[in-house]
Structures are given as C-alpha cells and as structure tokens.
C-alpha cells in the first residue's frame, strides 16, 4: 500500500508541475516549454499495481495500461506531445526523477 501511495504522490507532483502550481511559476512554465520543444514527455512507472498501471497483452503485444496511464495520455495530448512510458523497478523511480 505504501508503494501505491508513493507512486500516486509522484504522479500528483508531476501534474502539479505541469499545471504550474509551484512556488516558481516561471520554472514550471520553462519545464512545460522544454517538454513541448522536445516533443515528448517521459512517464517512469513500476507497472505492477493494477488498476493504476499494469502489463496487458493487446493484439499480441505487451502494453502498459491502467488509470495512471490514461491520465498521462490525457496530459500528453493536452500538451501536444508524445508519451514515452518507461517501466522500471519501484526502487528506481525516485532516483530516476532526479535526472529530470
């Protein structure tokens, strides 16, 4: 349960950053501009927690699906960028965000 809560908090922070709900609104705006200029947003996830994110075979291909994935797709669509999903072990999620 702690893993799910930590993952949800990470997602909320990501949405807050994209919405410009930080103390430094110009930093959030510049990050959104950077994402738009790169043309993609990267979602790091540990896809082991249905219904939030999990692996499912669709048309013979392994895909990551779930509630969080649908939210990320909507954010990417709103920004007009491609969504890249990176599946990794849960323990690696927070260290991976430090490179962003």
C-alpha atoms as a PDB file:
ATOM      1  CA  UNK A   1       0.000   0.000   0.000  1.00  0.00           C
ATOM      2  CA  UNK A   2       2.911   2.351   0.751  1.00  0.00           C
ATOM      3  CA  UNK A   3       4.229   1.817  -2.769  1.00  0.00           C
ATOM      4  CA  UNK A   4       0.900   2.810  -4.289  1.00  0.00           C
ATOM      5  CA  UNK A   5       0.724   5.925  -2.128  1.00  0.00           C
ATOM      6  CA  UNK A   6       4.281   6.916  -3.065  1.00  0.00           C
ATOM      7  CA  UNK A   7       3.527   6.397  -6.751  1.00  0.00           C
ATOM      8  CA  UNK A   8       0.339   8.433  -6.536  1.00  0.00           C
ATOM      9  CA  UNK A   9       2.219  11.245  -4.767  1.00  0.00           C
ATOM     10  CA  UNK A  10       4.779  11.222  -7.564  1.00  0.00           C
ATOM     11  CA  UNK A  11       2.001  11.488 -10.149  1.00  0.00           C
ATOM     12  CA  UNK A  12       0.358  14.353  -8.234  1.00  0.00           C
ATOM     13  CA  UNK A  13       3.676  16.202  -8.108  1.00  0.00           C
ATOM     14  CA  UNK A  14       4.111  15.714 -11.856  1.00  0.00           C
ATOM     15  CA  UNK A  15       0.634  17.061 -12.573  1.00  0.00           C
ATOM     16  CA  UNK A  16       1.276  19.988 -10.223  1.00  0.00           C
ATOM     17  CA  UNK A  17       4.491  20.810 -12.033  1.00  0.00           C
ATOM     18  CA  UNK A  18       2.777  20.726 -15.399  1.00  0.00           C
ATOM     19  CA  UNK A  19      -0.097  22.836 -14.134  1.00  0.00           C
ATOM     20  CA  UNK A  20       2.309  25.491 -12.870  1.00  0.00           C
ATOM     21  CA  UNK A  21       1.316  25.010  -9.237  1.00  0.00           C
ATOM     22  CA  UNK A  22       4.789  25.587  -7.854  1.00  0.00           C
ATOM     23  CA  UNK A  23       6.287  28.457  -5.951  1.00  0.00           C
ATOM     24  CA  UNK A  24       8.380  29.321  -9.019  1.00  0.00           C
ATOM     25  CA  UNK A  25       5.782  29.540 -11.760  1.00  0.00           C
ATOM     26  CA  UNK A  26       8.418  30.573 -14.301  1.00  0.00           C
ATOM     27  CA  UNK A  27      10.328  27.332 -13.613  1.00  0.00           C
ATOM     28  CA  UNK A  28       7.185  25.280 -14.253  1.00  0.00           C
ATOM     29  CA  UNK A  29       6.476  27.239 -17.420  1.00  0.00           C
ATOM     30  CA  UNK A  30      10.015  26.706 -18.672  1.00  0.00           C
ATOM     31  CA  UNK A  31       9.750  22.947 -17.952  1.00  0.00           C
ATOM     32  CA  UNK A  32       6.481  22.763 -19.900  1.00  0.00           C
ATOM     33  CA  UNK A  33       8.108  24.709 -22.729  1.00  0.00           C
ATOM     34  CA  UNK A  34      11.053  22.289 -22.634  1.00  0.00           C
ATOM     35  CA  UNK A  35       8.703  19.286 -22.831  1.00  0.00           C
ATOM     36  CA  UNK A  36       6.858  20.857 -25.755  1.00  0.00           C
ATOM     37  CA  UNK A  37      10.081  21.658 -27.609  1.00  0.00           C
ATOM     38  CA  UNK A  38      11.345  18.085 -27.133  1.00  0.00           C
ATOM     39  CA  UNK A  39       8.010  16.742 -28.356  1.00  0.00           C
ATOM     40  CA  UNK A  40       7.650  14.070 -25.684  1.00  0.00           C
ATOM     41  CA  UNK A  41       7.017  13.519 -22.013  1.00  0.00           C
ATOM     42  CA  UNK A  42       8.513  10.551 -20.177  1.00  0.00           C
ATOM     43  CA  UNK A  43       6.492   8.655 -17.571  1.00  0.00           C
ATOM     44  CA  UNK A  44       8.509   6.422 -15.266  1.00  0.00           C
ATOM     45  CA  UNK A  45       6.415   3.699 -13.662  1.00  0.00           C
ATOM     46  CA  UNK A  46       6.552   0.356 -11.929  1.00  0.00           C
ATOM     47  CA  UNK A  47       3.738  -1.356 -13.823  1.00  0.00           C
ATOM     48  CA  UNK A  48       2.860  -3.873 -11.127  1.00  0.00           C
ATOM     49  CA  UNK A  49      -0.109  -2.187  -9.482  1.00  0.00           C
ATOM     50  CA  UNK A  50      -3.479  -2.783 -11.155  1.00  0.00           C
ATOM     51  CA  UNK A  51      -5.731  -0.911 -11.743  1.00  0.00           C
ATOM     52  CA  UNK A  52      -3.293   2.016 -11.748  1.00  0.00           C
ATOM     53  CA  UNK A  53      -0.706   0.566 -14.140  1.00  0.00           C
ATOM     54  CA  UNK A  54      -0.067  -2.995 -15.256  1.00  0.00           C
ATOM     55  CA  UNK A  55       1.012  -5.106 -18.207  1.00  0.00           C
ATOM     56  CA  UNK A  56      -1.638  -6.461 -20.567  1.00  0.00           C
ATOM     57  CA  UNK A  57      -1.316  -8.267 -23.873  1.00  0.00           C
ATOM     58  CA  UNK A  58      -3.243  -6.401 -26.566  1.00  0.00           C
ATOM     59  CA  UNK A  59      -3.194  -7.631 -30.167  1.00  0.00           C
ATOM     60  CA  UNK A  60      -0.271  -9.903 -29.312  1.00  0.00           C
ATOM     61  CA  UNK A  61       1.841  -7.067 -27.871  1.00  0.00           C
ATOM     62  CA  UNK A  62       2.681  -6.415 -24.242  1.00  0.00           C
ATOM     63  CA  UNK A  63       1.386  -2.958 -23.312  1.00  0.00           C
ATOM     64  CA  UNK A  64       1.199  -0.993 -20.100  1.00  0.00           C
ATOM     65  CA  UNK A  65      -2.345   0.094 -19.328  1.00  0.00           C
ATOM     66  CA  UNK A  66      -4.310   1.436 -16.373  1.00  0.00           C
ATOM     67  CA  UNK A  67      -5.768   4.511 -14.716  1.00  0.00           C
ATOM     68  CA  UNK A  68      -2.462   6.382 -14.324  1.00  0.00           C
ATOM     69  CA  UNK A  69      -1.521   5.637 -17.925  1.00  0.00           C
ATOM     70  CA  UNK A  70      -4.795   7.135 -19.160  1.00  0.00           C
ATOM     71  CA  UNK A  71      -4.137  10.299 -17.120  1.00  0.00           C
ATOM     72  CA  UNK A  72      -0.632  10.541 -18.597  1.00  0.00           C
ATOM     73  CA  UNK A  73      -2.055  10.095 -22.115  1.00  0.00           C
ATOM     74  CA  UNK A  74      -4.513  12.946 -21.486  1.00  0.00           C
ATOM     75  CA  UNK A  75      -1.708  15.213 -20.226  1.00  0.00           C
ATOM     76  CA  UNK A  76       0.463  14.390 -23.249  1.00  0.00           C
ATOM     77  CA  UNK A  77      -2.451  15.019 -25.594  1.00  0.00           C
ATOM     78  CA  UNK A  78      -3.208  18.357 -23.933  1.00  0.00           C
ATOM     79  CA  UNK A  79       0.440  19.385 -24.344  1.00  0.00           C
ATOM     80  CA  UNK A  80       0.523  18.057 -27.904  1.00  0.00           C
ATOM     81  CA  UNK A  81       3.477  15.736 -27.258  1.00  0.00           C
ATOM     82  CA  UNK A  82       4.270  12.026 -27.451  1.00  0.00           C
ATOM     83  CA  UNK A  83       4.051   9.931 -24.271  1.00  0.00           C
ATOM     84  CA  UNK A  84       7.014   7.643 -23.571  1.00  0.00           C
ATOM     85  CA  UNK A  85       6.406   5.069 -20.829  1.00  0.00           C
ATOM     86  CA  UNK A  86       9.465   3.677 -19.045  1.00  0.00           C
ATOM     87  CA  UNK A  87       8.794   0.614 -16.892  1.00  0.00           C
ATOM     88  CA  UNK A  88      11.303   0.108 -14.086  1.00  0.00           C
ATOM     89  CA  UNK A  89      11.557  -1.320 -10.606  1.00  0.00           C
ATOM     90  CA  UNK A  90       9.796   0.733  -7.963  1.00  0.00           C
ATOM     91  CA  UNK A  91      13.048   1.303  -6.082  1.00  0.00           C
ATOM     92  CA  UNK A  92      14.468   3.111  -9.110  1.00  0.00           C
ATOM     93  CA  UNK A  93      11.625   5.571  -9.644  1.00  0.00           C
ATOM     94  CA  UNK A  94      12.646   8.333  -7.251  1.00  0.00           C
ATOM     95  CA  UNK A  95      16.348   8.267  -8.191  1.00  0.00           C
ATOM     96  CA  UNK A  96      15.312   8.401 -11.870  1.00  0.00           C
ATOM     97  CA  UNK A  97      13.349  11.614 -11.310  1.00  0.00           C
ATOM     98  CA  UNK A  98      16.470  13.369 -10.046  1.00  0.00           C
ATOM     99  CA  UNK A  99      17.893  13.411 -13.596  1.00  0.00           C
ATOM    100  CA  UNK A 100      14.881  15.342 -14.827  1.00  0.00           C
END
